[in-house]
Structure formats: C-alpha cells, structure tokens
N, C-alpha and C. Protein backbone atom coordinates (compact mmCIF):
# COMPACT_ATOMS: atom_id res chain seq x y z
N MET A 1 -1.74 6.74 -11.82
CA MET A 1 -2.74 5.95 -11.15
C MET A 1 -2.47 5.85 -9.69
N VAL A 2 -1.26 5.80 -9.18
CA VAL A 2 -0.98 5.53 -7.77
C VAL A 2 -1.42 6.72 -6.93
N GLY A 3 -1.30 7.89 -7.40
CA GLY A 3 -1.94 8.96 -6.64
C GLY A 3 -0.95 9.68 -5.71
N PRO A 4 -1.45 10.42 -4.78
CA PRO A 4 -0.65 11.19 -3.87
C PRO A 4 0.28 10.49 -2.89
N ASP A 5 0.05 9.15 -2.67
CA ASP A 5 0.95 8.37 -1.84
C ASP A 5 2.07 7.81 -2.57
N SER A 6 2.29 8.06 -3.89
CA SER A 6 3.42 7.50 -4.62
C SER A 6 4.75 7.96 -4.08
N GLY A 7 4.80 9.13 -3.43
CA GLY A 7 6.04 9.55 -2.86
C GLY A 7 6.36 8.76 -1.55
N ARG A 8 5.29 8.46 -0.87
CA ARG A 8 5.51 7.65 0.41
C ARG A 8 5.83 6.21 0.12
N TYR A 9 5.17 5.63 -0.89
CA TYR A 9 5.25 4.27 -1.31
C TYR A 9 5.73 4.06 -2.70
N PRO A 10 7.02 4.38 -3.02
CA PRO A 10 7.38 4.36 -4.39
C PRO A 10 7.35 3.04 -5.08
N PHE A 11 7.33 1.93 -4.30
CA PHE A 11 7.27 0.63 -4.89
C PHE A 11 5.84 0.45 -5.62
N LEU A 12 4.81 1.13 -5.17
CA LEU A 12 3.55 1.07 -5.80
C LEU A 12 3.59 1.65 -7.18
N ALA A 13 4.39 2.74 -7.46
CA ALA A 13 4.50 3.38 -8.73
C ALA A 13 5.22 2.31 -9.58
N ARG A 14 6.19 1.51 -9.11
CA ARG A 14 6.95 0.59 -9.90
C ARG A 14 6.09 -0.60 -10.33
N ILE A 15 5.03 -0.83 -9.53
CA ILE A 15 4.33 -2.09 -9.89
C ILE A 15 2.92 -1.63 -10.58
N GLU A 16 2.82 -0.37 -10.71
CA GLU A 16 1.48 0.15 -11.26
C GLU A 16 1.13 -0.62 -12.58
N GLN A 17 1.94 -0.80 -13.53
CA GLN A 17 1.56 -1.44 -14.77
C GLN A 17 1.10 -2.89 -14.55
N GLN A 18 1.62 -3.54 -13.57
CA GLN A 18 1.12 -4.83 -13.26
C GLN A 18 -0.24 -4.81 -12.71
N LEU A 19 -0.55 -3.81 -11.94
CA LEU A 19 -1.85 -3.71 -11.41
C LEU A 19 -2.87 -3.36 -12.54
N VAL A 20 -2.49 -2.68 -13.49
CA VAL A 20 -3.39 -2.22 -14.61
C VAL A 20 -3.75 -3.53 -15.43
N GLU A 21 -2.78 -4.33 -15.68
CA GLU A 21 -2.90 -5.53 -16.42
C GLU A 21 -3.61 -6.69 -15.72
N ARG A 22 -3.78 -6.70 -14.47
CA ARG A 22 -4.40 -7.73 -13.75
C ARG A 22 -5.91 -7.55 -13.88
N ASP A 23 -6.62 -8.77 -14.17
CA ASP A 23 -8.04 -8.73 -14.17
C ASP A 23 -8.63 -8.45 -12.74
N ASP A 24 -8.00 -8.84 -11.73
CA ASP A 24 -8.49 -8.52 -10.36
C ASP A 24 -7.70 -7.40 -9.73
N GLY A 25 -7.27 -6.46 -10.55
CA GLY A 25 -6.51 -5.32 -10.11
C GLY A 25 -7.21 -4.56 -8.96
N GLN A 26 -8.42 -4.42 -9.02
CA GLN A 26 -9.10 -3.65 -7.92
C GLN A 26 -9.06 -4.37 -6.63
N GLN A 27 -9.15 -5.62 -6.61
CA GLN A 27 -9.06 -6.40 -5.25
C GLN A 27 -7.63 -6.33 -4.90
N PHE A 28 -6.58 -6.47 -5.79
CA PHE A 28 -5.27 -6.47 -5.42
C PHE A 28 -4.87 -5.04 -4.86
N ARG A 29 -5.36 -4.02 -5.44
CA ARG A 29 -5.10 -2.74 -4.81
C ARG A 29 -5.72 -2.48 -3.48
N ALA A 30 -6.94 -3.05 -3.27
CA ALA A 30 -7.58 -2.93 -2.03
C ALA A 30 -6.78 -3.87 -0.99
N GLY A 31 -6.20 -4.99 -1.30
CA GLY A 31 -5.47 -5.69 -0.45
C GLY A 31 -4.17 -4.99 -0.05
N ILE A 32 -3.51 -4.38 -1.03
CA ILE A 32 -2.33 -3.56 -0.75
C ILE A 32 -2.61 -2.41 0.21
N GLU A 33 -3.76 -1.76 -0.05
CA GLU A 33 -4.21 -0.62 0.79
C GLU A 33 -4.46 -1.07 2.29
N ILE A 34 -5.06 -2.27 2.40
CA ILE A 34 -5.25 -2.70 3.75
C ILE A 34 -3.89 -3.00 4.49
N ILE A 35 -3.03 -3.71 3.75
CA ILE A 35 -1.68 -3.91 4.33
C ILE A 35 -0.95 -2.63 4.67
N LEU A 36 -0.96 -1.77 3.91
CA LEU A 36 -0.28 -0.39 4.15
C LEU A 36 -0.95 0.33 5.28
N SER A 37 -2.23 0.26 5.41
CA SER A 37 -2.94 0.84 6.44
C SER A 37 -2.53 0.18 7.78
N GLY A 38 -2.33 -1.13 7.83
CA GLY A 38 -1.84 -1.77 9.04
C GLY A 38 -0.51 -1.39 9.32
N VAL A 39 0.40 -1.32 8.44
CA VAL A 39 1.79 -0.94 8.62
C VAL A 39 1.72 0.51 9.27
N GLU A 40 1.05 1.34 8.72
CA GLU A 40 0.88 2.78 9.20
C GLU A 40 0.54 2.77 10.69
N VAL A 41 -0.50 1.96 11.00
CA VAL A 41 -1.07 1.92 12.40
C VAL A 41 0.10 1.40 13.30
N LEU A 42 0.84 0.43 12.91
CA LEU A 42 1.85 -0.17 13.74
C LEU A 42 3.03 0.83 13.87
N ARG A 43 3.34 1.68 12.81
CA ARG A 43 4.37 2.67 12.92
C ARG A 43 4.02 3.71 13.87
N ARG A 44 2.74 4.01 13.99
CA ARG A 44 2.24 5.09 14.95
C ARG A 44 2.07 4.64 16.38
N THR A 45 1.97 3.29 16.57
CA THR A 45 1.70 2.72 17.96
C THR A 45 3.00 2.60 18.73
N PRO A 46 3.16 3.21 19.82
CA PRO A 46 4.36 3.11 20.60
C PRO A 46 4.56 1.70 21.12
N PRO A 47 5.76 1.12 21.19
CA PRO A 47 5.93 -0.10 21.70
C PRO A 47 5.48 -0.24 23.21
N SER A 48 4.92 -1.28 23.52
CA SER A 48 4.48 -1.56 24.87
C SER A 48 5.48 -2.40 25.64
N GLY A 49 5.59 -2.06 26.94
CA GLY A 49 6.38 -2.92 27.84
C GLY A 49 7.96 -2.71 27.62
N GLU A 50 8.26 -1.79 26.91
CA GLU A 50 9.79 -1.64 26.68
C GLU A 50 10.24 -0.34 27.30
C-alpha cells in the first residue's frame, strides 16, 4: 500500500496496518503526505543568511 516511497520513508511501511484500520485513513494519509512534502521542500531549500 505505501508504494514507491516506502524506501525513502520506511516508517510509513511500519504504520501501514494502522492506516488501513483507521476509518479516516484517507485523511490521515493525506496529512502525512502534506507533512512529508513540506519536509522535502525544506530539505531542498538552501539556508538563508548563513
């Protein structure tokens, strides 16, 4: 279920079963995706003023 990013984000594979069991799993996954997207942007952005 985790897909191609499971190698980059192994913790998602570990919590996959919890996601499947949740009634609001789709919203939870969307929230995780938003958070990870933000982290990815921050990792690519060079520090300013240093």
